[in-house]
Amino acid sequence: MRYLAPGIIMQNGKDRNVSIYKHGHLLKKCLPLTELIPGISQPTSIIATGPSALDYSWDEFRNGERFLIAVNGAPTMLQKIGITPHLLVVTDREFALSGAKHFAAAPGTPLAIEFLAAAALAFTAPQFLLDRPVAIIERVNMWYGLPALNKQTLTRMNEESGQPFFLPAIADPACRIGWSYRPELGVFSSRNVVFSSLQIAIGLGALDLEIIGMDLGGSGRSYTEGQDKRPTQLQEHYESYILPSFQIMHKALTGRRVKVANLSPVCPLPAEIFTAATPED
């Protein structure tokens, strides 16, 4: 077990399930990701919180034909239009600390949450872990309780394990950029929760995906923030993390029967990153 936050300890079990303890008492026994969502066969929409999401035509979502993944505060916007997502993904510790109220907009919705964010939520608002099934996700080369590996060692481990990760050929000493074909083993963050959600969805079988509200412009969110407005670092991280990560996604998915469409009309990411990820039938 390892200390994470005041009174919070996590314990790894076999089969990659995690137990969360608070003040010495078991708070939550989490599921492996592949048990939380055994598979995704439906067309999938990942819903972010950029203002362009408000312009989307949401009527088609009411027939239940699409699998809906909400990230961070998107459930608050969806609740206002009478839509409940099938999965919530949170990777940001600061969001778990300051934006916990948004979990209440999707009670019972399965949650995939990164280790440090889960510890923060257990500390600030544990009720939102108790009212839903939860899976802990980890970042590649930031595995819980293990030391970081250098590029050479990580590359060798990846090759010996059947290459669950697509690693860039360029030098990346910190091993921050890449794509995971096996999100239950770890994801690359890109400093963008949509990128983690794409790895999760595709790793679980989704082939036809669209992204809604990934504006990356720092121009606010699709819900009213009021005095609780949180700063965004999307523009700061665009060149160093976000753009190269989506370029790696493009390479990792080329030749695979996966379609990823970005529906934001203002997103700065090049359109060909997404269209080129769709191979010819």
C-alpha atoms as a PDB file:
ATOM      1  CA  MET A   1       0.000   0.000   0.000  1.00  0.00           C
ATOM      2  CA  ARG A   2       1.113   3.560  -0.591  1.00  0.00           C
ATOM      3  CA  TYR A   3       0.212   6.996   0.780  1.00  0.00           C
ATOM      4  CA  LEU A   4      -1.567   9.220  -1.767  1.00  0.00           C
ATOM      5  CA  ALA A   5      -3.549  11.905   0.079  1.00  0.00           C
ATOM      6  CA  PRO A   6      -4.562  12.578   3.688  1.00  0.00           C
ATOM      7  CA  GLY A   7      -6.089   9.343   4.945  1.00  0.00           C
ATOM      8  CA  ILE A   8      -6.170   7.719   1.489  1.00  0.00           C
ATOM      9  CA  ILE A   9      -4.345   4.503   0.634  1.00  0.00           C
ATOM     10  CA  MET A  10      -4.720   2.240  -2.396  1.00  0.00           C
ATOM     11  CA  GLN A  11      -3.879  -1.417  -2.604  1.00  0.00           C
ATOM     12  CA  ASN A  12      -3.300  -3.313  -5.827  1.00  0.00           C
ATOM     13  CA  GLY A  13      -4.968  -6.703  -6.056  1.00  0.00           C
ATOM     14  CA  LYS A  14      -4.534  -9.425  -8.627  1.00  0.00           C
ATOM     15  CA  ASP A  15      -6.242  -9.007 -12.010  1.00  0.00           C
ATOM     16  CA  ARG A  16      -5.515  -5.259 -11.826  1.00  0.00           C
ATOM     17  CA  ASN A  17      -8.339  -4.471  -9.419  1.00  0.00           C
ATOM     18  CA  VAL A  18      -7.655  -1.795  -6.808  1.00  0.00           C
ATOM     19  CA  SER A  19      -9.010  -1.277  -3.304  1.00  0.00           C
ATOM     20  CA  ILE A  20      -9.263   2.270  -1.952  1.00  0.00           C
ATOM     21  CA  TYR A  21      -8.960   2.782   1.790  1.00  0.00           C
ATOM     22  CA  LYS A  22      -9.857   5.879   3.749  1.00  0.00           C
ATOM     23  CA  HIS A  23      -8.597   6.248   7.320  1.00  0.00           C
ATOM     24  CA  GLY A  24      -7.850   2.536   7.394  1.00  0.00           C
ATOM     25  CA  HIS A  25     -11.289   1.365   6.257  1.00  0.00           C
ATOM     26  CA  LEU A  26     -12.156  -0.075   2.862  1.00  0.00           C
ATOM     27  CA  LEU A  27     -13.940   2.624   0.902  1.00  0.00           C
ATOM     28  CA  LYS A  28     -14.206   1.148  -2.585  1.00  0.00           C
ATOM     29  CA  LYS A  29     -13.224  -2.038  -4.357  1.00  0.00           C
ATOM     30  CA  CYS A  30     -12.657  -1.142  -7.981  1.00  0.00           C
ATOM     31  CA  LEU A  31     -13.037  -3.270 -11.094  1.00  0.00           C
ATOM     32  CA  PRO A  32     -10.542  -3.934 -13.869  1.00  0.00           C
ATOM     33  CA  LEU A  33     -11.301  -1.742 -16.882  1.00  0.00           C
ATOM     34  CA  THR A  34     -12.295  -4.737 -18.996  1.00  0.00           C
ATOM     35  CA  GLU A  35     -14.927  -5.690 -16.414  1.00  0.00           C
ATOM     36  CA  LEU A  36     -16.208  -2.136 -15.997  1.00  0.00           C
ATOM     37  CA  ILE A  37     -16.959  -2.019 -19.743  1.00  0.00           C
ATOM     38  CA  PRO A  38     -16.530  -5.517 -21.235  1.00  0.00           C
ATOM     39  CA  GLY A  39     -16.604  -4.188 -24.794  1.00  0.00           C
ATOM     40  CA  ILE A  40     -17.910  -1.451 -27.080  1.00  0.00           C
ATOM     41  CA  SER A  41     -19.569  -2.534 -30.331  1.00  0.00           C
ATOM     42  CA  GLN A  42     -21.702   0.546 -30.951  1.00  0.00           C
ATOM     43  CA  PRO A  43     -20.739   3.768 -32.724  1.00  0.00           C
ATOM     44  CA  THR A  44     -19.185   5.898 -29.993  1.00  0.00           C
ATOM     45  CA  SER A  45     -19.277   9.595 -29.133  1.00  0.00           C
ATOM     46  CA  ILE A  46     -16.746  11.192 -26.788  1.00  0.00           C
ATOM     47  CA  ILE A  47     -18.220  14.363 -25.340  1.00  0.00           C
ATOM     48  CA  ALA A  48     -15.878  17.086 -24.128  1.00  0.00           C
ATOM     49  CA  THR A  49     -16.771  20.438 -22.598  1.00  0.00           C
ATOM     50  CA  GLY A  50     -15.840  22.954 -25.292  1.00  0.00           C
ATOM     51  CA  PRO A  51     -18.574  25.480 -26.160  1.00  0.00           C
ATOM     52  CA  SER A  52     -19.032  23.987 -29.646  1.00  0.00           C
ATOM     53  CA  ALA A  53     -20.756  21.028 -27.961  1.00  0.00           C
ATOM     54  CA  LEU A  54     -23.746  23.293 -27.391  1.00  0.00           C
ATOM     55  CA  ASP A  55     -24.271  23.547 -31.154  1.00  0.00           C
ATOM     56  CA  TYR A  56     -24.444  19.802 -31.706  1.00  0.00           C
ATOM     57  CA  SER A  57     -27.772  18.242 -32.701  1.00  0.00           C
ATOM     58  CA  TRP A  58     -28.432  15.957 -29.767  1.00  0.00           C
ATOM     59  CA  ASP A  59     -31.710  14.401 -30.903  1.00  0.00           C
ATOM     60  CA  GLU A  60     -30.026  11.315 -32.398  1.00  0.00           C
ATOM     61  CA  PHE A  61     -28.620  10.430 -28.987  1.00  0.00           C
ATOM     62  CA  ARG A  62     -32.041   9.774 -27.549  1.00  0.00           C
ATOM     63  CA  ASN A  63     -32.541   6.541 -29.535  1.00  0.00           C
ATOM     64  CA  GLY A  64     -29.684   4.844 -27.654  1.00  0.00           C
ATOM     65  CA  GLU A  65     -27.772   3.729 -30.747  1.00  0.00           C
ATOM     66  CA  ARG A  66     -24.489   5.379 -29.748  1.00  0.00           C
ATOM     67  CA  PHE A  67     -22.218   4.627 -26.807  1.00  0.00           C
ATOM     68  CA  LEU A  68     -21.630   7.914 -24.974  1.00  0.00           C
ATOM     69  CA  ILE A  69     -18.414   8.722 -23.127  1.00  0.00           C
ATOM     70  CA  ALA A  70     -18.450  11.968 -21.145  1.00  0.00           C
ATOM     71  CA  VAL A  71     -15.235  13.550 -19.888  1.00  0.00           C
ATOM     72  CA  ASN A  72     -14.803  15.732 -16.803  1.00  0.00           C
ATOM     73  CA  GLY A  73     -17.765  18.133 -16.470  1.00  0.00           C
ATOM     74  CA  ALA A  74     -19.679  17.047 -19.585  1.00  0.00           C
ATOM     75  CA  PRO A  75     -22.382  15.234 -17.531  1.00  0.00           C
ATOM     76  CA  THR A  76     -23.593  18.619 -16.266  1.00  0.00           C
ATOM     77  CA  MET A  77     -24.273  19.816 -19.806  1.00  0.00           C
ATOM     78  CA  LEU A  78     -25.818  16.483 -20.809  1.00  0.00           C
ATOM     79  CA  GLN A  79     -28.105  16.433 -17.785  1.00  0.00           C
ATOM     80  CA  LYS A  80     -29.668  19.714 -18.912  1.00  0.00           C
ATOM     81  CA  ILE A  81     -30.709  18.143 -22.207  1.00  0.00           C
ATOM     82  CA  GLY A  82     -31.885  14.895 -20.658  1.00  0.00           C
ATOM     83  CA  ILE A  83     -29.011  12.623 -21.714  1.00  0.00           C
ATOM     84  CA  THR A  84     -27.059  10.239 -19.490  1.00  0.00           C
ATOM     85  CA  PRO A  85     -23.655   8.940 -20.658  1.00  0.00           C
ATOM     86  CA  HIS A  86     -22.654   5.287 -20.538  1.00  0.00           C
ATOM     87  CA  LEU A  87     -19.162   6.036 -19.194  1.00  0.00           C
ATOM     88  CA  LEU A  88     -17.406   8.919 -17.459  1.00  0.00           C
ATOM     89  CA  VAL A  89     -13.634   9.383 -17.832  1.00  0.00           C
ATOM     90  CA  VAL A  90     -11.609  11.627 -15.502  1.00  0.00           C
ATOM     91  CA  THR A  91      -7.817  11.914 -15.536  1.00  0.00           C
ATOM     92  CA  ASP A  92      -7.302  15.320 -13.909  1.00  0.00           C
ATOM     93  CA  ARG A  93      -6.578  15.416 -10.181  1.00  0.00           C
ATOM     94  CA  GLU A  94      -7.466  19.103 -10.001  1.00  0.00           C
ATOM     95  CA  PHE A  95     -10.873  18.429 -11.549  1.00  0.00           C
ATOM     96  CA  ALA A  96     -11.526  15.754  -8.925  1.00  0.00           C
ATOM     97  CA  LEU A  97     -10.614  18.254  -6.214  1.00  0.00           C
ATOM     98  CA  SER A  98     -12.573  21.253  -7.460  1.00  0.00           C
ATOM     99  CA  GLY A  99     -15.174  19.889  -9.877  1.00  0.00           C
ATOM    100  CA  ALA A 100     -16.586  16.955  -7.939  1.00  0.00           C
ATOM    101  CA  LYS A 101     -20.114  18.390  -8.137  1.00  0.00           C
ATOM    102  CA  HIS A 102     -20.263  17.377 -11.811  1.00  0.00           C
ATOM    103  CA  PHE A 103     -20.279  13.700 -10.834  1.00  0.00           C
ATOM    104  CA  ALA A 104     -23.727  14.253  -9.348  1.00  0.00           C
ATOM    105  CA  ALA A 105     -25.093  14.943 -12.847  1.00  0.00           C
ATOM    106  CA  ALA A 106     -24.540  11.291 -13.818  1.00  0.00           C
ATOM    107  CA  PRO A 107     -25.343   9.183 -10.747  1.00  0.00           C
ATOM    108  CA  GLY A 108     -24.474   5.538 -11.135  1.00  0.00           C
ATOM    109  CA  THR A 109     -22.574   6.049 -14.407  1.00  0.00           C
ATOM    110  CA  PRO A 110     -19.477   3.822 -14.580  1.00  0.00           C
ATOM    111  CA  LEU A 111     -16.279   5.774 -13.988  1.00  0.00           C
ATOM    112  CA  ALA A 112     -12.782   5.240 -15.367  1.00  0.00           C
ATOM    113  CA  ILE A 113     -10.494   7.468 -13.323  1.00  0.00           C
ATOM    114  CA  GLU A 114      -6.737   7.937 -13.061  1.00  0.00           C
ATOM    115  CA  PHE A 115      -4.999   6.985  -9.795  1.00  0.00           C
ATOM    116  CA  LEU A 116      -4.267  10.452  -8.420  1.00  0.00           C
ATOM    117  CA  ALA A 117      -7.689  11.745  -9.447  1.00  0.00           C
ATOM    118  CA  ALA A 118      -9.314   8.809  -7.656  1.00  0.00           C
ATOM    119  CA  ALA A 119      -7.348   9.568  -4.496  1.00  0.00           C
ATOM    120  CA  ALA A 120      -8.423  13.214  -4.686  1.00  0.00           C
ATOM    121  CA  LEU A 121     -12.066  12.248  -5.156  1.00  0.00           C
ATOM    122  CA  ALA A 122     -11.873   9.791  -2.261  1.00  0.00           C
ATOM    123  CA  PHE A 123     -10.575  12.642  -0.129  1.00  0.00           C
ATOM    124  CA  THR A 124     -13.018  15.391  -1.195  1.00  0.00           C
ATOM    125  CA  ALA A 125     -16.227  13.626  -2.259  1.00  0.00           C
ATOM    126  CA  PRO A 126     -16.104   9.851  -1.652  1.00  0.00           C
ATOM    127  CA  GLN A 127     -19.842   9.518  -2.249  1.00  0.00           C
ATOM    128  CA  PHE A 128     -19.180   9.793  -5.984  1.00  0.00           C
ATOM    129  CA  LEU A 129     -17.013   6.694  -5.836  1.00  0.00           C
ATOM    130  CA  LEU A 130     -19.544   4.786  -3.778  1.00  0.00           C
ATOM    131  CA  ASP A 131     -22.553   5.353  -6.033  1.00  0.00           C
ATOM    132  CA  ARG A 132     -21.111   3.769  -9.202  1.00  0.00           C
ATOM    133  CA  PRO A 133     -18.780   1.053 -10.523  1.00  0.00           C
ATOM    134  CA  VAL A 134     -15.212   2.335 -10.830  1.00  0.00           C
ATOM    135  CA  ALA A 135     -12.070   1.274 -12.675  1.00  0.00           C
ATOM    136  CA  ILE A 136      -8.651   2.788 -12.014  1.00  0.00           C
ATOM    137  CA  ILE A 137      -6.598   3.695 -15.075  1.00  0.00           C
ATOM    138  CA  GLU A 138      -2.862   4.353 -15.044  1.00  0.00           C
ATOM    139  CA  ARG A 139      -0.472   6.347 -17.183  1.00  0.00           C
ATOM    140  CA  VAL A 140       2.159   4.433 -19.100  1.00  0.00           C
ATOM    141  CA  ASN A 141       5.497   4.611 -17.290  1.00  0.00           C
ATOM    142  CA  MET A 142       3.823   6.159 -14.263  1.00  0.00           C
ATOM    143  CA  TRP A 143       2.515   2.863 -12.959  1.00  0.00           C
ATOM    144  CA  TYR A 144       1.442   2.876  -9.354  1.00  0.00           C
ATOM    145  CA  GLY A 145       4.230   1.788  -7.025  1.00  0.00           C
ATOM    146  CA  LEU A 146       6.789   1.223  -9.806  1.00  0.00           C
ATOM    147  CA  PRO A 147       9.785   3.354 -10.804  1.00  0.00           C
ATOM    148  CA  ALA A 148       9.799   5.154 -14.157  1.00  0.00           C
ATOM    149  CA  LEU A 149      11.662   3.375 -16.939  1.00  0.00           C
ATOM    150  CA  ASN A 150      14.063   4.939 -19.403  1.00  0.00           C
ATOM    151  CA  LYS A 151      13.205   4.867 -23.105  1.00  0.00           C
ATOM    152  CA  GLN A 152      15.417   1.876 -23.858  1.00  0.00           C
ATOM    153  CA  THR A 153      13.966  -0.244 -21.061  1.00  0.00           C
ATOM    154  CA  LEU A 154      10.374   0.705 -21.860  1.00  0.00           C
ATOM    155  CA  THR A 155      10.926  -0.087 -25.541  1.00  0.00           C
ATOM    156  CA  ARG A 156      12.390  -3.488 -24.706  1.00  0.00           C
ATOM    157  CA  MET A 157       9.571  -4.275 -22.285  1.00  0.00           C
ATOM    158  CA  ASN A 158       7.020  -3.231 -24.906  1.00  0.00           C
ATOM    159  CA  GLU A 159       8.569  -5.546 -27.517  1.00  0.00           C
ATOM    160  CA  GLU A 160       8.748  -8.467 -25.103  1.00  0.00           C
ATOM    161  CA  SER A 161       5.073  -7.948 -24.170  1.00  0.00           C
ATOM    162  CA  GLY A 162       3.707  -8.039 -27.713  1.00  0.00           C
ATOM    163  CA  GLN A 163       3.838  -4.261 -28.297  1.00  0.00           C
ATOM    164  CA  PRO A 164       0.713  -3.085 -26.436  1.00  0.00           C
ATOM    165  CA  PHE A 165       2.016   0.486 -26.871  1.00  0.00           C
ATOM    166  CA  PHE A 166       2.860   2.404 -30.027  1.00  0.00           C
ATOM    167  CA  LEU A 167       5.970   4.412 -29.195  1.00  0.00           C
ATOM    168  CA  PRO A 168       7.371   7.250 -31.333  1.00  0.00           C
ATOM    169  CA  ALA A 169      10.608   6.764 -33.220  1.00  0.00           C
ATOM    170  CA  ILE A 170      11.763  10.237 -32.203  1.00  0.00           C
ATOM    171  CA  ALA A 171      13.664  10.739 -28.966  1.00  0.00           C
ATOM    172  CA  ASP A 172      11.276  11.145 -26.050  1.00  0.00           C
ATOM    173  CA  PRO A 173      13.354  10.582 -22.888  1.00  0.00           C
ATOM    174  CA  ALA A 174      10.385  11.082 -20.568  1.00  0.00           C
ATOM    175  CA  CYS A 175       8.236   8.606 -22.542  1.00  0.00           C
ATOM    176  CA  ARG A 176       5.278  10.984 -22.416  1.00  0.00           C
ATOM    177  CA  ILE A 177       4.069  10.611 -26.004  1.00  0.00           C
ATOM    178  CA  GLY A 178       2.552   7.433 -27.427  1.00  0.00           C
ATOM    179  CA  TRP A 179      -0.590   5.399 -28.005  1.00  0.00           C
ATOM    180  CA  SER A 180      -1.897   2.452 -26.010  1.00  0.00           C
ATOM    181  CA  TYR A 181      -3.655  -0.443 -27.707  1.00  0.00           C
ATOM    182  CA  ARG A 182      -4.238  -1.945 -24.234  1.00  0.00           C
ATOM    183  CA  PRO A 183      -5.669   0.798 -21.990  1.00  0.00           C
ATOM    184  CA  GLU A 184      -6.128  -1.669 -19.148  1.00  0.00           C
ATOM    185  CA  LEU A 185      -2.311  -1.725 -18.999  1.00  0.00           C
ATOM    186  CA  GLY A 186      -1.962   2.060 -19.175  1.00  0.00           C
ATOM    187  CA  VAL A 187      -2.735   5.100 -21.324  1.00  0.00           C
ATOM    188  CA  PHE A 188      -0.762   8.080 -22.566  1.00  0.00           C
ATOM    189  CA  SER A 189      -2.313  11.263 -21.239  1.00  0.00           C
ATOM    190  CA  SER A 190      -1.464  13.965 -23.831  1.00  0.00           C
ATOM    191  CA  ARG A 191      -2.538  16.376 -21.062  1.00  0.00           C
ATOM    192  CA  ASN A 192      -5.989  15.923 -22.613  1.00  0.00           C
ATOM    193  CA  VAL A 193      -8.683  13.638 -21.234  1.00  0.00           C
ATOM    194  CA  VAL A 194     -10.187  13.075 -24.694  1.00  0.00           C
ATOM    195  CA  PHE A 195      -6.953  11.400 -25.788  1.00  0.00           C
ATOM    196  CA  SER A 196      -7.148   8.987 -22.853  1.00  0.00           C
ATOM    197  CA  SER A 197     -10.802   8.339 -23.644  1.00  0.00           C
ATOM    198  CA  LEU A 198      -9.969   7.494 -27.256  1.00  0.00           C
ATOM    199  CA  GLN A 199      -7.450   4.875 -26.129  1.00  0.00           C
ATOM    200  CA  ILE A 200     -10.012   3.422 -23.721  1.00  0.00           C
ATOM    201  CA  ALA A 201     -12.828   3.308 -26.286  1.00  0.00           C
ATOM    202  CA  ILE A 202     -10.740   1.874 -29.126  1.00  0.00           C
ATOM    203  CA  GLY A 203      -8.991  -0.548 -26.796  1.00  0.00           C
ATOM    204  CA  LEU A 204     -12.414  -1.848 -25.758  1.00  0.00           C
ATOM    205  CA  GLY A 205     -13.477  -2.412 -29.342  1.00  0.00           C
ATOM    206  CA  ALA A 206     -14.979   0.841 -30.662  1.00  0.00           C
ATOM    207  CA  LEU A 207     -14.413   1.266 -34.408  1.00  0.00           C
ATOM    208  CA  ASP A 208     -16.574   4.251 -35.345  1.00  0.00           C
ATOM    209  CA  LEU A 209     -15.922   7.266 -33.111  1.00  0.00           C
ATOM    210  CA  GLU A 210     -16.685  10.954 -33.075  1.00  0.00           C
ATOM    211  CA  ILE A 211     -15.430  13.668 -30.742  1.00  0.00           C
ATOM    212  CA  ILE A 212     -17.786  16.472 -29.725  1.00  0.00           C
ATOM    213  CA  GLY A 213     -16.682  19.690 -28.027  1.00  0.00           C
ATOM    214  CA  MET A 214     -12.905  19.219 -28.187  1.00  0.00           C
ATOM    215  CA  ASP A 215     -12.270  22.897 -28.969  1.00  0.00           C
ATOM    216  CA  LEU A 216      -8.818  23.221 -27.326  1.00  0.00           C
ATOM    217  CA  GLY A 217      -9.222  26.980 -27.386  1.00  0.00           C
ATOM    218  CA  GLY A 218      -9.395  27.927 -23.718  1.00  0.00           C
ATOM    219  CA  SER A 219     -12.565  29.902 -24.444  1.00  0.00           C
ATOM    220  CA  GLY A 220     -14.639  28.492 -21.623  1.00  0.00           C
ATOM    221  CA  ARG A 221     -16.744  25.389 -21.198  1.00  0.00           C
ATOM    222  CA  SER A 222     -20.154  24.203 -22.276  1.00  0.00           C
ATOM    223  CA  TYR A 223     -21.596  24.658 -18.787  1.00  0.00           C
ATOM    224  CA  THR A 224     -21.784  27.695 -16.526  1.00  0.00           C
ATOM    225  CA  GLU A 225     -18.751  27.824 -14.259  1.00  0.00           C
ATOM    226  CA  GLY A 226     -19.528  30.882 -12.135  1.00  0.00           C
ATOM    227  CA  GLN A 227     -17.097  31.495  -9.294  1.00  0.00           C
ATOM    228  CA  ASP A 228     -15.774  27.933  -9.647  1.00  0.00           C
ATOM    229  CA  LYS A 229     -14.161  28.627 -13.027  1.00  0.00           C
ATOM    230  CA  ARG A 230     -11.028  26.528 -13.424  1.00  0.00           C
ATOM    231  CA  PRO A 231      -8.067  27.644 -15.537  1.00  0.00           C
ATOM    232  CA  THR A 232      -7.231  25.700 -18.679  1.00  0.00           C
ATOM    233  CA  GLN A 233      -3.721  24.840 -19.828  1.00  0.00           C
ATOM    234  CA  LEU A 234      -4.738  23.439 -23.205  1.00  0.00           C
ATOM    235  CA  GLN A 235      -3.060  26.181 -25.215  1.00  0.00           C
ATOM    236  CA  GLU A 236       0.098  25.918 -23.130  1.00  0.00           C
ATOM    237  CA  HIS A 237       0.337  22.163 -23.763  1.00  0.00           C
ATOM    238  CA  TYR A 238      -0.797  22.160 -27.395  1.00  0.00           C
ATOM    239  CA  GLU A 239       2.597  22.144 -29.127  1.00  0.00           C
ATOM    240  CA  SER A 240       4.482  19.985 -26.634  1.00  0.00           C
ATOM    241  CA  TYR A 241       1.877  17.338 -25.762  1.00  0.00           C
ATOM    242  CA  ILE A 242      -1.469  17.532 -27.538  1.00  0.00           C
ATOM    243  CA  LEU A 243      -0.471  17.921 -31.190  1.00  0.00           C
ATOM    244  CA  PRO A 244       2.341  15.297 -31.149  1.00  0.00           C
ATOM    245  CA  SER A 245       0.079  12.858 -29.291  1.00  0.00           C
ATOM    246  CA  PHE A 246      -2.683  13.087 -31.878  1.00  0.00           C
ATOM    247  CA  GLN A 247      -0.078  12.752 -34.623  1.00  0.00           C
ATOM    248  CA  ILE A 248       1.015   9.512 -32.967  1.00  0.00           C
ATOM    249  CA  MET A 249      -2.643   8.411 -32.858  1.00  0.00           C
ATOM    250  CA  HIS A 250      -2.787   8.974 -36.612  1.00  0.00           C
ATOM    251  CA  LYS A 251       0.196   6.669 -37.138  1.00  0.00           C
ATOM    252  CA  ALA A 252      -0.982   4.063 -34.632  1.00  0.00           C
ATOM    253  CA  LEU A 253      -4.419   3.722 -36.256  1.00  0.00           C
ATOM    254  CA  THR A 254      -3.379   3.848 -39.903  1.00  0.00           C
ATOM    255  CA  GLY A 255      -4.206   0.499 -41.503  1.00  0.00           C
ATOM    256  CA  ARG A 256      -6.746  -0.376 -38.811  1.00  0.00           C
ATOM    257  CA  ARG A 257     -10.482  -0.343 -39.378  1.00  0.00           C
ATOM    258  CA  VAL A 258     -11.022   2.556 -37.004  1.00  0.00           C
ATOM    259  CA  LYS A 259     -12.721   5.829 -37.869  1.00  0.00           C
ATOM    260  CA  VAL A 260     -12.216   8.889 -35.664  1.00  0.00           C
ATOM    261  CA  ALA A 261     -14.050  12.102 -36.570  1.00  0.00           C
ATOM    262  CA  ASN A 262     -13.459  15.423 -34.820  1.00  0.00           C
ATOM    263  CA  LEU A 263     -16.655  17.468 -35.014  1.00  0.00           C
ATOM    264  CA  SER A 264     -15.387  20.688 -33.433  1.00  0.00           C
ATOM    265  CA  PRO A 265     -15.324  23.455 -36.067  1.00  0.00           C
ATOM    266  CA  VAL A 266     -12.771  25.465 -34.065  1.00  0.00           C
ATOM    267  CA  CYS A 267     -10.319  22.782 -32.915  1.00  0.00           C
ATOM    268  CA  PRO A 268      -6.764  23.684 -34.058  1.00  0.00           C
ATOM    269  CA  LEU A 269      -5.723  20.067 -34.673  1.00  0.00           C
ATOM    270  CA  PRO A 270      -5.161  19.384 -38.397  1.00  0.00           C
ATOM    271  CA  ALA A 271      -8.151  17.662 -40.005  1.00  0.00           C
ATOM    272  CA  GLU A 272      -5.958  15.079 -41.733  1.00  0.00           C
ATOM    273  CA  ILE A 273      -4.969  13.612 -38.373  1.00  0.00           C
ATOM    274  CA  PHE A 274      -8.486  12.249 -38.127  1.00  0.00           C
ATOM    275  CA  THR A 275      -9.391  11.503 -41.741  1.00  0.00           C
ATOM    276  CA  ALA A 276      -6.109   9.662 -42.298  1.00  0.00           C
ATOM    277  CA  ALA A 277      -6.858   7.410 -39.326  1.00  0.00           C
ATOM    278  CA  THR A 278      -9.593   5.778 -41.416  1.00  0.00           C
ATOM    279  CA  PRO A 279      -8.250   3.085 -43.758  1.00  0.00           C
ATOM    280  CA  GLU A 280      -9.959   2.252 -47.012  1.00  0.00           C
ATOM    281  CA  ASP A 281     -12.571  -0.476 -46.763  1.00  0.00           C
END
